[in-house]
């Protein structure tokens, strides 16, 4: 595959300005929606092959969210794309001011393996809505889903408009050597830094959706059983391979044992006494990550779980207790079904520990104390999160989703996606019927006095 030629062909097509037409964009979104619905079972089969996801989880966390985003964007696109009037300063009279959104041009979207369909499609929806051409690069780890995405895109779009490049590091490197007008990357910090470095050589703007150690803080005022239920759901969804999964728990020491009891109850309630036998329990993406996760488990700290099956690449939902902040499991993002529990006595201790790490992609707080809520939300920087729930903050097209600092830059979903993939031009349109002479030479004391009056 000649990647340089692919980019060149897309740039030539973009220059026809067809993608700038709102009708063209809406038709493209409708074709994509129709194609997804027609290939829905193939998508489920691919997700089953790559990650052992059930059709329920695949629809809930991938296909359903994608279709919801498509519907929302189609409904609002015309409004978002309209010129936006802006008040004009008196000094510029007579004039009107407005902003207008224009597409960047040719966009590269690099998606990860953990939600290989949704995290490829949702940025694509924003890129199409904004009027761009697009090259998609799915992860080589999720091979079956990547192949389905290729068939889907080939079915609904010509390659000069939207296309897919498959492959691994070689193809990634070749893509990043090209000049794109925008790069949207979802993945790990190490590759994210490389993407940003490559983009800098062409002054290409980027969005980086990364990850990090997202904390879950639970104080003694929380509804512990409900907190445990929602924590187990958010942590072990997709076998913990979720960028916004609770990475570790900070629980007030007065309720630690009760919380562990409730977590144990809900793990068994959701996954059964033998989670490795549960037909709906996902698997780890590959052996490399399987062994990496197992190395993070301290056997003497296991409160529940700990067993694994290399043949199926599954690890039980595992809870570790009495974990110290310098333990191996606290030194990297876990990205697997292992949940370490640490304790705090006063909420100040929790805030201090969280702030000692890079800014997390998400934070979850379980409390009924408004003072604790305010102390945490106003005192800790993080991408986004929930109070009294986990991960659901990303399941809406009405709020942007993204990281901050070490967990990324930029955001997307709904209108924010449209803005991410658009450049908003600022325009002043002057009237010709009057031309105030104040700004022109020669200057005078009277003009200077008027200038001060206008610009105050």
Protein backbone atom coordinates (compact mmCIF):
# COMPACT_ATOMS: atom_id res chain seq x y z
CA UNK A 1 0.00 0.00 0.00
CA UNK A 2 1.36 3.40 -1.03
CA UNK A 3 0.47 5.51 2.02
CA UNK A 4 1.93 8.68 0.55
CA UNK A 5 -0.33 8.26 -2.49
CA UNK A 6 -3.38 7.67 -0.26
CA UNK A 7 -2.78 10.97 1.53
CA UNK A 8 -2.19 12.76 -1.78
CA UNK A 9 -5.42 11.39 -3.27
CA UNK A 10 -7.39 12.49 -0.23
CA UNK A 11 -5.85 15.94 -0.35
CA UNK A 12 -6.81 16.25 -4.01
CA UNK A 13 -10.38 15.19 -3.22
CA UNK A 14 -10.59 17.63 -0.35
CA UNK A 15 -9.59 20.44 -2.71
CA UNK A 16 -12.79 19.83 -4.70
CA UNK A 17 -14.60 21.21 -1.58
CA UNK A 18 -17.32 18.57 -1.88
CA UNK A 19 -16.81 17.54 1.74
CA UNK A 20 -17.57 21.12 2.80
CA UNK A 21 -21.19 20.77 1.69
CA UNK A 22 -23.49 20.01 4.63
CA UNK A 23 -25.67 17.77 2.47
CA UNK A 24 -22.60 15.72 1.50
CA UNK A 25 -21.60 15.28 5.16
CA UNK A 26 -25.11 14.23 6.22
CA UNK A 27 -25.29 11.70 3.39
CA UNK A 28 -21.92 10.30 4.47
CA UNK A 29 -23.11 9.92 8.07
CA UNK A 30 -26.29 8.21 6.89
CA UNK A 31 -24.28 5.78 4.75
CA UNK A 32 -22.05 4.99 7.70
CA UNK A 33 -25.05 4.40 9.95
CA UNK A 34 -26.69 2.13 7.38
CA UNK A 35 -23.47 0.19 6.87
CA UNK A 36 -23.01 -0.40 10.61
CA UNK A 37 -26.56 -1.70 10.96
CA UNK A 38 -26.13 -4.01 7.97
CA UNK A 39 -22.87 -5.41 9.37
CA UNK A 40 -23.89 -5.46 13.03
CA UNK A 41 -23.56 -9.23 13.46
CA UNK A 42 -20.13 -9.21 11.80
CA UNK A 43 -19.02 -6.54 14.28
CA UNK A 44 -20.25 -8.64 17.22
CA UNK A 45 -18.43 -11.70 15.86
CA UNK A 46 -15.20 -9.72 15.49
CA UNK A 47 -15.38 -8.32 19.03
CA UNK A 48 -16.03 -11.83 20.30
CA UNK A 49 -12.95 -13.10 18.48
CA UNK A 50 -10.67 -10.28 19.66
CA UNK A 51 -11.85 -9.77 23.24
CA UNK A 52 -14.50 -12.43 23.93
CA UNK A 53 -17.14 -9.72 24.35
CA UNK A 54 -20.76 -10.77 24.54
CA UNK A 55 -23.19 -9.28 22.05
CA UNK A 56 -24.82 -7.41 24.96
CA UNK A 57 -21.57 -5.76 26.04
CA UNK A 58 -20.59 -5.15 22.42
CA UNK A 59 -23.81 -3.28 21.77
CA UNK A 60 -23.82 -1.43 25.11
CA UNK A 61 -20.22 -0.25 24.99
CA UNK A 62 -19.41 -0.14 21.27
CA UNK A 63 -22.12 -0.39 18.60
CA UNK A 64 -24.93 1.22 20.57
CA UNK A 65 -22.81 4.18 21.64
CA UNK A 66 -21.64 4.66 18.05
CA UNK A 67 -25.18 4.66 16.69
CA UNK A 68 -26.30 7.06 19.43
CA UNK A 69 -23.47 9.43 18.50
CA UNK A 70 -24.39 9.21 14.82
CA UNK A 71 -28.01 10.06 15.56
CA UNK A 72 -27.07 13.02 17.76
CA UNK A 73 -24.58 14.46 15.29
CA UNK A 74 -26.94 14.13 12.32
CA UNK A 75 -29.68 15.91 14.25
CA UNK A 76 -27.55 18.91 15.23
CA UNK A 77 -24.98 19.25 12.42
CA UNK A 78 -26.75 22.00 10.46
CA UNK A 79 -26.96 24.18 13.56
CA UNK A 80 -23.32 23.62 14.53
CA UNK A 81 -22.13 24.47 11.02
CA UNK A 82 -23.95 27.81 10.84
CA UNK A 83 -22.07 31.08 11.02
CA UNK A 84 -22.09 32.41 14.59
CA UNK A 85 -22.68 36.16 14.97
CA UNK A 86 -20.41 38.02 17.38
CA UNK A 87 -20.81 41.53 18.83
CA UNK A 88 -18.62 44.06 17.04
CA UNK A 89 -16.62 46.69 18.99
CA UNK A 90 -17.82 50.28 18.49
CA UNK A 91 -14.36 51.19 17.15
CA UNK A 92 -15.01 48.97 14.11
CA UNK A 93 -18.31 50.62 13.14
CA UNK A 94 -19.84 50.04 10.62
CA UNK A 95 -19.24 46.27 10.58
CA UNK A 96 -20.62 42.88 11.51
CA UNK A 97 -18.54 40.09 13.03
CA UNK A 98 -19.00 36.34 12.87
CA UNK A 99 -17.16 33.05 13.13
CA UNK A 100 -17.42 30.18 10.68
CA UNK A 101 -16.25 26.59 10.99
CA UNK A 102 -14.11 25.04 8.28
CA UNK A 103 -12.64 21.52 8.07
CA UNK A 104 -8.94 21.05 8.61
CA UNK A 105 -8.51 18.85 5.52
CA UNK A 106 -6.98 15.37 5.69
CA UNK A 107 -7.21 13.78 9.13
CA UNK A 108 -5.44 10.75 10.62
CA UNK A 109 -7.32 8.79 13.31
CA UNK A 110 -5.30 6.18 15.22
CA UNK A 111 -7.47 3.95 17.41
CA UNK A 112 -6.66 1.38 20.15
CA UNK A 113 -7.56 -2.28 20.65
CA UNK A 114 -9.63 -2.19 23.84
CA UNK A 115 -12.79 -0.73 22.29
CA UNK A 116 -11.62 -1.25 18.73
CA UNK A 117 -14.88 -0.42 16.97
CA UNK A 118 -16.30 2.46 19.01
CA UNK A 119 -12.98 4.26 19.48
CA UNK A 120 -12.42 4.20 15.72
CA UNK A 121 -15.95 5.19 14.70
CA UNK A 122 -16.68 8.01 17.16
CA UNK A 123 -13.73 10.21 16.12
CA UNK A 124 -14.55 9.38 12.48
CA UNK A 125 -18.09 10.67 12.98
CA UNK A 126 -16.70 13.99 14.21
CA UNK A 127 -14.20 14.20 11.36
CA UNK A 128 -16.88 13.55 8.74
CA UNK A 129 -19.33 15.96 10.37
CA UNK A 130 -16.70 18.70 10.25
CA UNK A 131 -16.07 18.07 6.53
CA UNK A 132 -12.69 16.33 6.52
CA UNK A 133 -11.23 13.46 4.56
CA UNK A 134 -9.93 10.74 6.82
CA UNK A 135 -7.45 7.87 7.08
CA UNK A 136 -8.19 5.36 9.83
CA UNK A 137 -5.50 3.29 11.51
CA UNK A 138 -6.97 0.58 13.76
CA UNK A 139 -4.80 -1.37 16.18
CA UNK A 140 -3.07 -4.47 14.85
CA UNK A 141 -3.87 -6.24 18.15
CA UNK A 142 -7.61 -6.34 17.46
CA UNK A 143 -7.20 -8.01 14.07
CA UNK A 144 -10.74 -9.32 13.56
CA UNK A 145 -12.33 -5.96 14.29
CA UNK A 146 -9.79 -4.18 12.11
CA UNK A 147 -10.77 -6.43 9.19
CA UNK A 148 -14.45 -5.66 9.74
CA UNK A 149 -13.73 -1.93 9.80
CA UNK A 150 -11.90 -2.29 6.47
CA UNK A 151 -14.91 -4.03 4.91
CA UNK A 152 -17.32 -1.49 6.36
CA UNK A 153 -15.39 1.55 5.16
CA UNK A 154 -14.78 0.08 1.71
CA UNK A 155 -18.50 -0.62 1.46
CA UNK A 156 -19.67 2.91 2.26
CA UNK A 157 -16.89 5.31 1.20
CA UNK A 158 -14.45 5.77 -1.69
CA UNK A 159 -10.81 5.59 -0.61
CA UNK A 160 -10.20 9.18 -1.71
CA UNK A 161 -12.64 10.25 1.05
CA UNK A 162 -12.27 7.75 3.90
CA UNK A 163 -9.97 4.74 3.96
CA UNK A 164 -8.28 2.33 6.36
CA UNK A 165 -4.61 1.43 6.72
CA UNK A 166 -3.97 -1.85 8.53
CA UNK A 167 -0.70 -3.05 9.99
CA UNK A 168 1.62 -2.49 12.93
CA UNK A 169 4.60 -0.34 13.82
CA UNK A 170 5.90 -0.07 10.26
CA UNK A 171 2.62 1.34 8.97
CA UNK A 172 2.27 3.59 12.01
CA UNK A 173 5.71 5.04 11.38
CA UNK A 174 5.02 5.57 7.68
CA UNK A 175 1.72 7.29 8.42
CA UNK A 176 3.32 9.61 10.95
CA UNK A 177 5.94 10.60 8.39
CA UNK A 178 3.17 12.10 6.21
CA UNK A 179 1.82 15.61 6.59
CA UNK A 180 -1.73 15.55 7.91
CA UNK A 181 -3.90 18.52 8.80
CA UNK A 182 -5.01 16.96 12.10
CA UNK A 183 -4.10 13.83 14.05
CA UNK A 184 -6.40 12.17 16.56
CA UNK A 185 -4.72 9.47 18.65
CA UNK A 186 -6.15 7.17 21.30
CA UNK A 187 -3.73 4.90 23.13
CA UNK A 188 -0.84 4.83 25.56
CA UNK A 189 1.38 7.65 26.77
CA UNK A 190 4.57 6.30 25.16
CA UNK A 191 3.12 6.22 21.64
CA UNK A 192 1.23 9.44 22.32
CA UNK A 193 4.50 11.27 22.89
CA UNK A 194 5.85 9.88 19.60
CA UNK A 195 2.70 11.03 17.77
CA UNK A 196 3.07 14.53 19.19
CA UNK A 197 6.77 14.63 18.31
CA UNK A 198 6.07 13.62 14.70
CA UNK A 199 3.15 16.04 14.43
CA UNK A 200 5.34 18.89 15.66
CA UNK A 201 7.62 18.58 12.63
CA UNK A 202 4.68 19.66 10.44
CA UNK A 203 2.99 21.91 13.05
CA UNK A 204 0.04 19.54 12.88
CA UNK A 205 -2.53 19.97 15.68
CA UNK A 206 -3.32 16.83 17.68
CA UNK A 207 -5.78 15.34 20.11
CA UNK A 208 -4.30 12.76 22.47
CA UNK A 209 -6.72 10.50 24.33
CA UNK A 210 -4.47 8.64 26.76
CA UNK A 211 -5.13 7.13 30.18
CA UNK A 212 -3.46 6.90 33.55
CA UNK A 213 -4.31 5.77 37.05
CA UNK A 214 -7.92 6.83 37.53
CA UNK A 215 -8.81 6.78 41.24
CA UNK A 216 -12.05 5.87 42.96
CA UNK A 217 -12.52 7.59 46.32
CA UNK A 218 -15.07 6.18 48.78
CA UNK A 219 -15.73 7.82 52.13
CA UNK A 220 -17.66 6.54 55.14
CA UNK A 221 -20.83 8.44 54.19
CA UNK A 222 -21.23 6.57 50.89
CA UNK A 223 -23.89 3.96 50.21
CA UNK A 224 -21.31 1.17 50.30
CA UNK A 225 -23.31 -1.61 48.67
CA UNK A 226 -24.33 0.61 45.76
CA UNK A 227 -20.79 1.98 45.50
CA UNK A 228 -19.40 -1.56 45.36
CA UNK A 229 -21.96 -2.57 42.71
CA UNK A 230 -21.16 0.37 40.45
CA UNK A 231 -17.43 -0.01 41.09
CA UNK A 232 -17.47 -3.69 40.08
CA UNK A 233 -19.38 -2.82 36.90
CA UNK A 234 -17.00 -0.04 35.88
CA UNK A 235 -13.79 -1.81 36.85
CA UNK A 236 -14.39 -5.24 35.33
CA UNK A 237 -16.24 -4.19 32.18
CA UNK A 238 -14.19 -5.50 29.25
CA UNK A 239 -12.07 -7.33 31.86
CA UNK A 240 -10.70 -4.03 33.11
CA UNK A 241 -9.36 -3.01 29.70
CA UNK A 242 -11.02 0.39 29.73
CA UNK A 243 -9.09 3.67 29.73
CA UNK A 244 -11.51 5.20 32.26
CA UNK A 245 -11.85 2.11 34.46
CA UNK A 246 -11.25 2.78 38.18
CA UNK A 247 -7.57 1.92 38.48
CA UNK A 248 -7.42 1.84 42.28
CA UNK A 249 -9.67 2.52 45.27
CA UNK A 250 -9.01 4.91 48.11
CA UNK A 251 -11.47 4.03 50.87
CA UNK A 252 -11.85 5.59 54.32
CA UNK A 253 -10.28 3.20 56.83
CA UNK A 254 -13.46 2.98 58.94
CA UNK A 255 -15.35 1.18 56.14
CA UNK A 256 -12.61 -0.77 54.33
CA UNK A 257 -13.71 -4.25 55.45
CA UNK A 258 -17.35 -3.56 54.74
CA UNK A 259 -16.47 -2.34 51.24
CA UNK A 260 -14.36 -5.45 50.51
CA UNK A 261 -17.27 -7.63 51.66
CA UNK A 262 -19.66 -5.77 49.34
CA UNK A 263 -17.26 -5.89 46.38
CA UNK A 264 -16.85 -9.64 46.87
CA UNK A 265 -20.63 -10.04 46.95
CA UNK A 266 -21.17 -8.11 43.73
CA UNK A 267 -18.36 -9.87 41.85
CA UNK A 268 -20.02 -13.20 42.59
CA UNK A 269 -23.46 -11.77 41.81
CA UNK A 270 -22.36 -10.49 38.40
CA UNK A 271 -19.78 -13.07 37.32
CA UNK A 272 -20.69 -16.15 39.35
CA UNK A 273 -18.56 -18.24 41.69
CA UNK A 274 -16.39 -19.29 38.75
CA UNK A 275 -15.85 -16.14 36.63
CA UNK A 276 -13.49 -18.01 34.30
CA UNK A 277 -16.43 -20.22 33.34
CA UNK A 278 -18.72 -17.27 32.65
CA UNK A 279 -19.48 -17.22 28.88
CA UNK A 280 -19.84 -13.42 28.91
CA UNK A 281 -16.55 -12.63 30.63
CA UNK A 282 -14.06 -10.95 28.24
CA UNK A 283 -10.45 -11.99 27.78
CA UNK A 284 -7.13 -10.15 27.78
CA UNK A 285 -6.14 -8.96 24.31
CA UNK A 286 -2.89 -10.96 24.06
CA UNK A 287 -0.34 -13.00 26.04
CA UNK A 288 1.99 -10.05 26.53
CA UNK A 289 -0.66 -8.10 28.45
CA UNK A 290 -1.90 -11.25 30.18
CA UNK A 291 1.52 -11.88 31.75
CA UNK A 292 2.08 -8.17 32.47
CA UNK A 293 -1.15 -8.03 34.52
CA UNK A 294 -0.35 -11.22 36.42
CA UNK A 295 3.01 -9.76 37.47
CA UNK A 296 1.16 -6.92 39.21
CA UNK A 297 -0.73 -9.27 41.52
CA UNK A 298 0.78 -9.80 44.98
CA UNK A 299 -0.58 -13.22 46.04
CA UNK A 300 -0.42 -12.38 49.76
CA UNK A 301 -2.65 -9.33 49.16
CA UNK A 302 -5.49 -11.11 47.36
CA UNK A 303 -8.90 -10.57 48.98
CA UNK A 304 -10.84 -12.21 46.15
CA UNK A 305 -9.97 -13.72 42.76
CA UNK A 306 -6.42 -14.21 41.56
CA UNK A 307 -6.88 -17.26 39.34
CA UNK A 308 -6.21 -17.19 35.61
CA UNK A 309 -6.34 -19.33 32.48
CA UNK A 310 -3.58 -18.82 29.90
CA UNK A 311 -5.41 -20.90 27.30
CA UNK A 312 -8.39 -18.54 27.29
CA UNK A 313 -6.32 -15.49 28.35
CA UNK A 314 -8.69 -14.72 31.21
CA UNK A 315 -7.92 -13.43 34.69
CA UNK A 316 -10.53 -13.48 37.43
CA UNK A 317 -11.81 -10.19 38.83
CA UNK A 318 -9.15 -9.73 41.50
CA UNK A 319 -9.17 -7.45 44.53
CA UNK A 320 -6.02 -6.63 46.48
CA UNK A 321 -6.21 -5.19 50.00
CA UNK A 322 -3.75 -3.41 52.28
CA UNK A 323 -1.83 -2.18 49.24
CA UNK A 324 0.91 0.41 49.71
CA UNK A 325 1.42 3.33 47.36
CA UNK A 326 4.88 2.00 46.38
CA UNK A 327 3.61 -1.47 45.37
CA UNK A 328 4.23 -2.53 41.73
CA UNK A 329 0.49 -2.37 40.98
CA UNK A 330 0.55 1.34 41.86
CA UNK A 331 3.42 2.21 39.52
CA UNK A 332 1.61 1.86 36.19
CA UNK A 333 -1.86 1.88 34.69
CA UNK A 334 -3.23 -1.62 35.35
CA UNK A 335 -5.54 -1.95 32.33
CA UNK A 336 -6.82 -5.32 33.52
CA UNK A 337 -9.14 -6.94 36.07
CA UNK A 338 -7.05 -6.17 39.16
CA UNK A 339 -8.31 -3.69 41.75
CA UNK A 340 -5.94 -2.54 44.52
CA UNK A 341 -7.50 -1.02 47.64
CA UNK A 342 -5.70 1.61 49.70
CA UNK A 343 -7.04 3.41 52.75
CA UNK A 344 -7.10 6.95 54.04
CA UNK A 345 -8.16 8.39 57.36
CA UNK A 346 -8.86 11.96 56.26
CA UNK A 347 -9.84 13.07 52.77
CA UNK A 348 -6.72 15.28 52.69
CA UNK A 349 -4.61 12.12 52.50
CA UNK A 350 -6.56 10.86 49.48
CA UNK A 351 -6.20 14.16 47.66
CA UNK A 352 -2.47 14.25 48.37
CA UNK A 353 -1.90 10.72 47.00
CA UNK A 354 -3.95 11.32 43.86
CA UNK A 355 -2.08 14.57 43.20
CA UNK A 356 1.26 12.76 43.47
CA UNK A 357 0.49 10.97 40.18
CA UNK A 358 0.01 12.43 36.72
CA UNK A 359 -3.40 14.02 36.23
CA UNK A 360 -5.81 11.10 35.70
CA UNK A 361 -8.21 10.66 32.80
CA UNK A 362 -11.08 10.01 35.22
CA UNK A 363 -11.92 10.31 38.91
CA UNK A 364 -14.82 8.69 40.76
CA UNK A 365 -16.10 9.82 44.13
CA UNK A 366 -18.65 8.06 46.31
CA UNK A 367 -19.93 10.28 49.10
CA UNK A 368 -23.06 11.94 50.43
CA UNK A 369 -21.10 14.74 52.08
CA UNK A 370 -21.30 17.93 49.97
CA UNK A 371 -18.16 19.31 51.64
CA UNK A 372 -16.15 16.24 50.59
CA UNK A 373 -17.59 16.47 47.09
CA UNK A 374 -16.55 20.10 46.78
CA UNK A 375 -13.11 19.44 48.30
CA UNK A 376 -12.34 16.69 45.79
CA UNK A 377 -13.88 18.17 42.63
CA UNK A 378 -12.37 21.61 43.17
CA UNK A 379 -9.02 20.44 44.51
CA UNK A 380 -7.95 17.74 42.03
CA UNK A 381 -7.34 18.11 38.29
CA UNK A 382 -8.62 15.25 36.10
CA UNK A 383 -10.23 14.72 32.71
CA UNK A 384 -13.78 13.95 33.83
CA UNK A 385 -15.65 11.58 36.09
CA UNK A 386 -18.65 10.79 38.24
CA UNK A 387 -20.00 11.35 41.71
CA UNK A 388 -21.61 8.15 43.01
CA UNK A 389 -21.04 6.17 39.81
CA UNK A 390 -18.28 5.04 37.45
CA UNK A 391 -17.47 5.48 33.73
CA UNK A 392 -20.97 6.62 32.61
CA UNK A 393 -19.80 10.22 32.12
CA UNK A 394 -18.42 9.24 28.72
CA UNK A 395 -21.70 7.69 27.54
CA UNK A 396 -23.24 10.94 26.37
CA UNK A 397 -22.94 13.06 23.25
CA UNK A 398 -23.82 16.20 25.22
CA UNK A 399 -20.50 16.50 27.09
CA UNK A 400 -16.96 16.43 25.84
CA UNK A 401 -14.65 13.61 26.86
CA UNK A 402 -10.89 13.91 27.16
CA UNK A 403 -7.85 14.05 29.39
CA UNK A 404 -5.63 16.73 30.87
CA UNK A 405 -1.87 16.82 31.35
CA UNK A 406 -0.47 13.28 31.41
CA UNK A 407 -3.87 11.79 30.50
CA UNK A 408 -4.12 13.64 27.22
CA UNK A 409 -5.21 16.83 25.50
CA UNK A 410 -8.30 17.77 23.56
CA UNK A 411 -11.74 16.20 23.80
CA UNK A 412 -14.54 14.87 21.64
CA UNK A 413 -18.16 13.57 21.55
CA UNK A 414 -21.11 15.39 20.02
CA UNK A 415 -20.63 19.09 19.34
CA UNK A 416 -17.16 18.96 20.90
CA UNK A 417 -16.12 16.47 18.19
CA UNK A 418 -17.35 18.87 15.51
CA UNK A 419 -15.31 21.68 17.08
CA UNK A 420 -12.25 19.44 17.52
CA UNK A 421 -12.11 18.62 13.82
CA UNK A 422 -12.94 22.17 12.69
CA UNK A 423 -10.98 25.38 12.52
CA UNK A 424 -13.20 28.31 13.48
CA UNK A 425 -12.39 31.40 11.43
CA UNK A 426 -13.10 34.86 12.82
CA UNK A 427 -14.39 37.39 10.27
CA UNK A 428 -15.11 41.10 10.39
CA UNK A 429 -17.21 42.33 7.47
CA UNK A 430 -16.94 46.10 7.11
CA UNK A 431 -19.54 48.35 5.53
CA UNK A 432 -18.53 50.52 2.57
CA UNK A 433 -20.93 53.39 3.17
CA UNK A 434 -18.85 55.02 5.92
CA UNK A 435 -15.11 55.07 6.63
CA UNK A 436 -14.19 56.70 9.93
CA UNK A 437 -10.90 58.60 9.52
CA UNK A 438 -9.64 58.22 13.09
CA UNK A 439 -7.19 55.37 12.41
CA UNK A 440 -5.51 56.97 9.44
CA UNK A 441 -2.49 59.27 9.38
CA UNK A 442 -1.94 62.09 10.01
CA UNK A 443 -2.61 61.71 13.76
CA UNK A 444 -3.77 64.59 15.95
CA UNK A 445 -4.59 65.34 19.56
CA UNK A 446 -8.32 65.23 18.74
CA UNK A 447 -7.95 61.81 17.11
CA UNK A 448 -6.00 60.54 20.12
CA UNK A 449 -8.75 61.69 22.49
CA UNK A 450 -11.36 59.98 20.33
CA UNK A 451 -9.22 56.82 20.19
CA UNK A 452 -9.11 56.66 24.01
CA UNK A 453 -12.88 57.13 24.09
CA UNK A 454 -13.53 54.32 21.57
CA UNK A 455 -11.18 51.75 23.09
CA UNK A 456 -12.14 52.10 26.78
